[in-house]
Amino acid sequence: MSATTQTPQKLRTRKPLSVGVVAKNLTALVLAVVFVFPVYWMFSSSLKPQHEIMTKDPVFVFTPTFENYTTATGVDLFWTYVTNSLMVTIGAVLLALLVALAASFAIARMKFKGRKGIVLVVMMAQMAPWEVMVIAMYMISRENDLLNSIPTLTLIYFVMVLPFTIWTLRGFIAAVPVELEEAAQIDGCTRGQAFRKVIFPLLAPGLMSTSLFGFITAWNEFAMILMLNKEKESQTLTLWLTQFQTAFGSDWGATMAASTLFALPVLVVFLFLQRKAVGGMTAGAVKG
C-alpha cells in the first residue's frame, strides 16, 4: 500500500529539466552528428556502386556491394602493409608499457637526486613536435644503414609514445595509497611482489588509456614512415592509403573502402579498451 502511494508522490516531486541541461544535451547531440556523419558517409560510400557515389542527389537507400572492398584488398602487397602496421604499432605500444611501468614507479615512489629533472625532461619530450625531428631521424638512420627497417620504425614509434605513457602511469601509481603497498610488505611481500599483486591490478584504467593513445599515435603516424621507409615492402597502411587514390584514379568507392579498412582497427581497439577501462581505481581495489 505504501509503495503505491509513494510512486505518484515521487513523480510529482521530480524536478523539471532546466534550460541549461537541455542546452547541453542539444549541444552534445549536434556535436555527435557533426563528428559521426563523415564516418557514416565514408562507410556507406564504401558499400555503394560507383554511379551512386558520383551523383548530385545523395543516395541514402541502396543495395550494398562489397566489390569496393575486393578492389581495395586486391592491391599488391596489401597484406604486407597490414602485417607491417600491426608489427610496428603493437611492438611500440608493448615496449612503451614495459619501460613506462618501471620508470613511472621509480618516479612516483622512489626519492633520488635528479627526479624532478627527469620529470621535466619527460614533459619536454611529450610537448615537443616530432615532425621537427624527421630530418634528424633520417640522417641517423641513413648513417647507420637503418633505412627501410621495420625494427627501426618500431623503436622510433616507441620513443614517440613513451613520454605520454610514463607521465600518465606516474599519475595512476601516485594515486594508489602507499599504505596498501606497505601493508603487503608487512604481510611478507617483497617490493616487487607488492607492486605485482597490489599496485599493478589498480593500474588497469591507466594501462588501457595509454595503450589506446599509443596505438592511435603509432597507427596514424605519417611523417616518419614517409621519410624512412621508401621501399614498398617496408611501408605501412598509412602510406598505402595516401597512394591509393593515385593508383586507382577516381574510384571513390574503392578509396572509401580503403579508408574504412584503415580506420577499422582503431575503432575495434577503442571499443575493446574503453569497455575495459570504465572501472575506477576503487573498483579495481575491490576486485583485486
Protein backbone atom coordinates (compact mmCIF):
# COMPACT_ATOMS: atom_id res chain seq x y z
CA MET A 1 0.00 0.00 0.00
CA SER A 2 2.83 2.34 0.87
CA ALA A 3 4.64 1.55 -2.39
CA THR A 4 1.61 2.51 -4.46
CA THR A 5 1.24 5.80 -2.62
CA GLN A 6 4.93 6.71 -2.86
CA THR A 7 5.22 6.28 -6.61
CA PRO A 8 2.84 9.16 -7.59
CA GLN A 9 4.44 11.33 -4.92
CA LYS A 10 7.90 10.77 -6.41
CA LEU A 11 6.57 11.59 -9.84
CA ARG A 12 5.08 14.84 -8.55
CA THR A 13 8.30 15.92 -6.84
CA ARG A 14 10.56 15.24 -9.85
CA LYS A 15 12.29 18.44 -10.91
CA PRO A 16 11.69 19.64 -14.46
CA LEU A 17 14.62 19.81 -16.84
CA SER A 18 16.40 23.14 -16.68
CA VAL A 19 17.30 25.20 -19.71
CA GLY A 20 20.98 24.55 -19.10
CA VAL A 21 20.56 20.76 -19.12
CA VAL A 22 18.50 20.88 -22.32
CA ALA A 23 21.08 23.16 -23.98
CA LYS A 24 23.94 20.83 -23.00
CA ASN A 25 22.11 17.79 -24.34
CA LEU A 26 21.29 19.54 -27.61
CA THR A 27 24.90 20.68 -27.98
CA ALA A 28 26.16 17.14 -27.36
CA LEU A 29 23.66 15.80 -29.92
CA VAL A 30 24.72 18.34 -32.56
CA LEU A 31 28.42 17.61 -31.98
CA ALA A 32 27.77 13.87 -32.18
CA VAL A 33 26.02 14.27 -35.53
CA VAL A 34 28.80 16.53 -36.86
CA PHE A 35 31.54 14.06 -35.92
CA VAL A 36 29.70 10.83 -36.75
CA PHE A 37 28.24 11.86 -40.11
CA PRO A 38 31.57 11.89 -42.03
CA VAL A 39 32.31 8.41 -40.69
CA TYR A 40 28.86 7.22 -41.74
CA TRP A 41 29.29 8.77 -45.20
CA MET A 42 32.69 7.10 -45.64
CA PHE A 43 31.33 3.70 -44.63
CA SER A 44 28.14 3.97 -46.68
CA SER A 45 30.07 5.16 -49.74
CA SER A 46 32.33 2.12 -49.46
CA LEU A 47 29.24 -0.06 -49.96
CA LYS A 48 27.76 1.88 -52.88
CA PRO A 49 28.27 1.28 -56.59
CA GLN A 50 30.27 3.94 -58.39
CA HIS A 51 27.26 5.56 -60.11
CA GLU A 52 25.51 6.10 -56.76
CA ILE A 53 28.55 7.84 -55.29
CA MET A 54 29.18 10.27 -58.16
CA THR A 55 25.74 11.87 -58.17
CA LYS A 56 24.34 15.29 -57.29
CA ASP A 57 21.48 13.81 -55.27
CA PRO A 58 22.62 11.95 -52.11
CA VAL A 59 21.57 8.30 -52.03
CA PHE A 60 20.69 7.04 -48.55
CA VAL A 61 18.83 3.85 -49.52
CA PHE A 62 20.88 1.49 -51.69
CA THR A 63 21.78 -2.14 -52.22
CA PRO A 64 25.18 -2.72 -50.57
CA THR A 65 28.02 -4.25 -52.54
CA PHE A 66 31.43 -5.47 -51.34
CA GLU A 67 33.11 -5.02 -54.72
CA ASN A 68 34.93 -1.93 -53.46
CA TYR A 69 36.50 -3.93 -50.62
CA THR A 70 37.59 -6.59 -53.08
CA THR A 71 39.29 -3.91 -55.14
CA ALA A 72 40.98 -2.38 -52.08
CA THR A 73 42.30 -5.63 -50.66
CA GLY A 74 43.40 -6.78 -54.10
CA VAL A 75 46.14 -4.16 -54.26
CA ASP A 76 49.66 -5.55 -54.45
CA LEU A 77 51.32 -6.04 -51.04
CA PHE A 78 48.12 -5.17 -49.14
CA TRP A 79 48.61 -7.90 -46.53
CA THR A 80 52.29 -6.97 -46.24
CA TYR A 81 51.21 -3.43 -45.33
CA VAL A 82 48.74 -4.83 -42.78
CA THR A 83 51.41 -7.02 -41.19
CA ASN A 84 53.93 -4.16 -41.07
CA SER A 85 51.41 -1.80 -39.47
CA LEU A 86 50.41 -4.31 -36.81
CA MET A 87 54.02 -5.25 -36.01
CA VAL A 88 55.16 -1.64 -35.70
CA THR A 89 52.15 -0.45 -33.70
CA ILE A 90 51.82 -3.37 -31.28
CA GLY A 91 55.58 -3.61 -30.79
CA ALA A 92 55.88 0.10 -29.97
CA VAL A 93 52.95 0.02 -27.52
CA LEU A 94 54.18 -3.07 -25.67
CA LEU A 95 57.72 -1.72 -25.36
CA ALA A 96 56.41 1.63 -24.12
CA LEU A 97 54.21 -0.03 -21.48
CA LEU A 98 57.05 -2.24 -20.26
CA VAL A 99 59.55 0.60 -19.89
CA ALA A 100 56.98 3.10 -18.62
CA LEU A 101 55.83 0.80 -15.82
CA ALA A 102 59.33 0.67 -14.35
CA ALA A 103 60.08 4.35 -14.98
CA SER A 104 56.78 5.67 -13.65
CA PHE A 105 57.05 3.53 -10.50
CA ALA A 106 60.54 4.85 -9.83
CA ILE A 107 59.44 8.46 -10.34
CA ALA A 108 56.28 8.13 -8.25
CA ARG A 109 57.57 6.01 -5.37
CA MET A 110 61.34 6.44 -5.06
CA LYS A 111 63.21 9.55 -3.95
CA PHE A 112 66.56 10.18 -5.61
CA LYS A 113 68.61 13.08 -6.91
CA GLY A 114 67.52 14.35 -10.28
CA ARG A 115 63.95 13.04 -10.04
CA LYS A 116 62.42 16.46 -10.76
CA GLY A 117 64.78 16.88 -13.68
CA ILE A 118 63.68 13.56 -15.16
CA VAL A 119 60.04 14.59 -14.83
CA LEU A 120 60.83 17.87 -16.60
CA VAL A 121 62.60 16.04 -19.43
CA VAL A 122 59.61 13.71 -19.84
CA MET A 123 57.27 16.71 -20.07
CA MET A 124 59.51 18.42 -22.62
CA ALA A 125 59.67 15.25 -24.73
CA GLN A 126 55.88 14.98 -24.59
CA MET A 127 55.36 18.58 -25.73
CA ALA A 128 58.00 18.52 -28.49
CA PRO A 129 56.55 18.17 -32.02
CA TRP A 130 58.05 15.03 -33.51
CA GLU A 131 57.70 16.35 -37.05
CA VAL A 132 60.71 18.62 -36.48
CA MET A 133 62.79 15.52 -35.68
CA VAL A 134 62.15 13.84 -39.02
CA ILE A 135 65.34 15.14 -40.67
CA ALA A 136 67.48 14.21 -37.67
CA MET A 137 65.94 10.73 -37.53
CA TYR A 138 66.51 10.31 -41.26
CA MET A 139 70.18 11.28 -41.04
CA ILE A 140 70.81 8.98 -38.06
CA SER A 141 69.08 6.08 -39.80
CA ARG A 142 70.93 6.70 -43.07
CA GLU A 143 74.35 6.91 -41.43
CA ASN A 144 73.75 3.64 -39.58
CA ASP A 145 72.17 1.83 -42.55
CA LEU A 146 68.78 1.57 -40.79
CA LEU A 147 66.51 2.88 -43.54
CA ASN A 148 63.61 0.70 -44.75
CA SER A 149 63.66 -1.23 -41.49
CA ILE A 150 60.59 -2.31 -39.51
CA PRO A 151 62.55 -2.65 -36.21
CA THR A 152 63.92 0.89 -36.63
CA LEU A 153 60.44 2.27 -37.18
CA THR A 154 59.18 0.34 -34.15
CA LEU A 155 61.88 1.87 -31.93
CA ILE A 156 61.09 5.38 -33.20
CA TYR A 157 57.38 4.94 -32.51
CA PHE A 158 58.26 3.52 -29.10
CA VAL A 159 60.19 6.70 -28.29
CA MET A 160 57.29 8.81 -29.54
CA VAL A 161 54.66 7.25 -27.26
CA LEU A 162 56.93 6.65 -24.25
CA PRO A 163 56.76 10.16 -22.64
CA PHE A 164 52.96 10.21 -22.52
CA THR A 165 52.89 6.66 -21.20
CA ILE A 166 55.33 7.48 -18.39
CA TRP A 167 53.51 10.69 -17.47
CA THR A 168 50.08 9.02 -17.37
CA LEU A 169 51.14 5.90 -15.45
CA ARG A 170 53.06 8.07 -12.97
CA GLY A 171 49.80 9.77 -12.05
CA PHE A 172 47.98 6.47 -11.59
CA ILE A 173 50.75 4.99 -9.44
CA ALA A 174 50.98 8.14 -7.32
CA ALA A 175 47.22 7.97 -6.72
CA VAL A 176 47.47 4.48 -5.22
CA PRO A 177 47.76 4.85 -1.41
CA VAL A 178 51.25 3.92 -0.31
CA GLU A 179 49.70 2.25 2.75
CA LEU A 180 48.46 -0.59 0.54
CA GLU A 181 51.99 -1.33 -0.59
CA GLU A 182 53.34 -1.08 2.95
CA ALA A 183 50.63 -3.43 4.25
CA ALA A 184 51.59 -6.01 1.62
CA GLN A 185 55.24 -5.75 2.64
CA ILE A 186 54.29 -6.21 6.28
CA ASP A 187 52.45 -9.39 5.26
CA GLY A 188 55.68 -10.75 3.80
CA CYS A 189 55.71 -9.49 0.20
CA THR A 190 58.83 -8.06 -1.34
CA ARG A 191 58.61 -4.70 -3.06
CA GLY A 192 58.34 -6.40 -6.42
CA GLN A 193 55.60 -8.73 -5.20
CA ALA A 194 53.73 -5.79 -3.65
CA PHE A 195 53.85 -3.98 -6.99
CA ARG A 196 52.69 -7.03 -8.90
CA LYS A 197 49.91 -8.05 -6.52
CA VAL A 198 48.68 -4.70 -5.19
CA ILE A 199 49.61 -1.80 -7.46
CA PHE A 200 49.53 -3.44 -10.88
CA PRO A 201 45.85 -4.59 -10.66
CA LEU A 202 44.86 -0.99 -9.87
CA LEU A 203 46.57 0.35 -13.00
CA ALA A 204 44.07 -1.13 -15.47
CA PRO A 205 42.48 2.25 -16.40
CA GLY A 206 45.91 3.80 -16.92
CA LEU A 207 47.21 0.88 -18.95
CA MET A 208 44.13 0.90 -21.16
CA SER A 209 44.17 4.65 -21.79
CA THR A 210 47.89 4.77 -22.56
CA SER A 211 47.61 1.71 -24.80
CA LEU A 212 44.80 3.36 -26.73
CA PHE A 213 46.76 6.60 -27.13
CA GLY A 214 49.90 4.76 -28.19
CA PHE A 215 48.04 2.59 -30.67
CA ILE A 216 46.35 5.57 -32.32
CA THR A 217 49.59 7.57 -32.43
CA ALA A 218 51.66 4.79 -33.98
CA TRP A 219 48.91 3.58 -36.34
CA ASN A 220 48.25 7.05 -37.79
CA GLU A 221 51.86 8.28 -37.93
CA PHE A 222 52.82 9.51 -41.40
CA ALA A 223 55.91 11.73 -41.46
CA MET A 224 58.44 9.19 -40.19
CA ILE A 225 57.30 6.35 -42.42
CA LEU A 226 57.28 8.69 -45.42
CA MET A 227 60.91 9.69 -44.89
CA LEU A 228 62.47 6.49 -43.53
CA ASN A 229 60.83 3.67 -45.47
CA LYS A 230 60.92 4.23 -49.20
CA GLU A 231 60.78 0.58 -50.24
CA LYS A 232 57.23 -0.70 -50.69
CA GLU A 233 57.88 -3.93 -48.79
CA SER A 234 58.71 -1.93 -45.64
CA GLN A 235 55.81 0.54 -45.79
CA THR A 236 52.61 0.57 -43.72
CA LEU A 237 48.92 1.16 -44.35
CA THR A 238 49.34 4.89 -43.77
CA LEU A 239 51.35 5.34 -46.97
CA TRP A 240 49.20 2.77 -48.76
CA LEU A 241 46.14 4.91 -48.07
CA THR A 242 47.73 8.14 -49.29
CA GLN A 243 48.86 6.47 -52.54
CA PHE A 244 45.60 4.64 -53.10
CA GLN A 245 43.75 7.39 -54.96
CA THR A 246 46.71 7.89 -57.29
CA ALA A 247 46.79 4.21 -58.17
CA PHE A 248 43.06 3.87 -58.85
CA GLY A 249 42.25 7.27 -60.30
CA SER A 250 38.71 8.38 -59.49
CA ASP A 251 37.48 5.11 -57.99
CA TRP A 252 35.95 6.74 -54.92
CA GLY A 253 34.17 3.57 -53.85
CA ALA A 254 37.44 1.67 -53.51
CA THR A 255 39.05 4.72 -51.86
CA MET A 256 36.30 4.85 -49.24
CA ALA A 257 36.65 1.11 -48.70
CA ALA A 258 40.39 1.55 -48.17
CA SER A 259 39.73 4.37 -45.68
CA THR A 260 37.25 2.18 -43.80
CA LEU A 261 39.73 -0.69 -43.62
CA PHE A 262 42.39 1.69 -42.30
CA ALA A 263 40.08 3.08 -39.59
CA LEU A 264 38.60 -0.28 -38.56
CA PRO A 265 41.48 -1.50 -36.30
CA VAL A 266 41.48 1.78 -34.36
CA LEU A 267 37.73 1.53 -33.86
CA VAL A 268 37.96 -2.08 -32.68
CA VAL A 269 40.77 -1.27 -30.23
CA PHE A 270 38.86 1.74 -28.92
CA LEU A 271 35.65 -0.23 -28.35
CA PHE A 272 37.55 -3.00 -26.59
CA LEU A 273 39.73 -0.82 -24.35
CA GLN A 274 37.15 1.77 -23.37
CA ARG A 275 34.87 -1.01 -22.10
CA LYS A 276 37.71 -2.45 -20.03
CA ALA A 277 38.76 0.92 -18.61
CA VAL A 278 35.42 2.19 -17.29
CA GLY A 279 36.08 0.89 -13.75
CA GLY A 280 37.87 3.30 -11.45
CA MET A 281 40.67 2.59 -9.05
CA THR A 282 38.24 1.83 -6.22
CA ALA A 283 36.55 -0.86 -8.31
CA GLY A 284 39.95 -2.30 -9.11
CA ALA A 285 40.84 -2.45 -5.44
CA VAL A 286 37.63 -4.31 -4.63
CA LYS A 287 38.19 -6.79 -7.45
CA GLY A 288 41.85 -7.28 -6.54
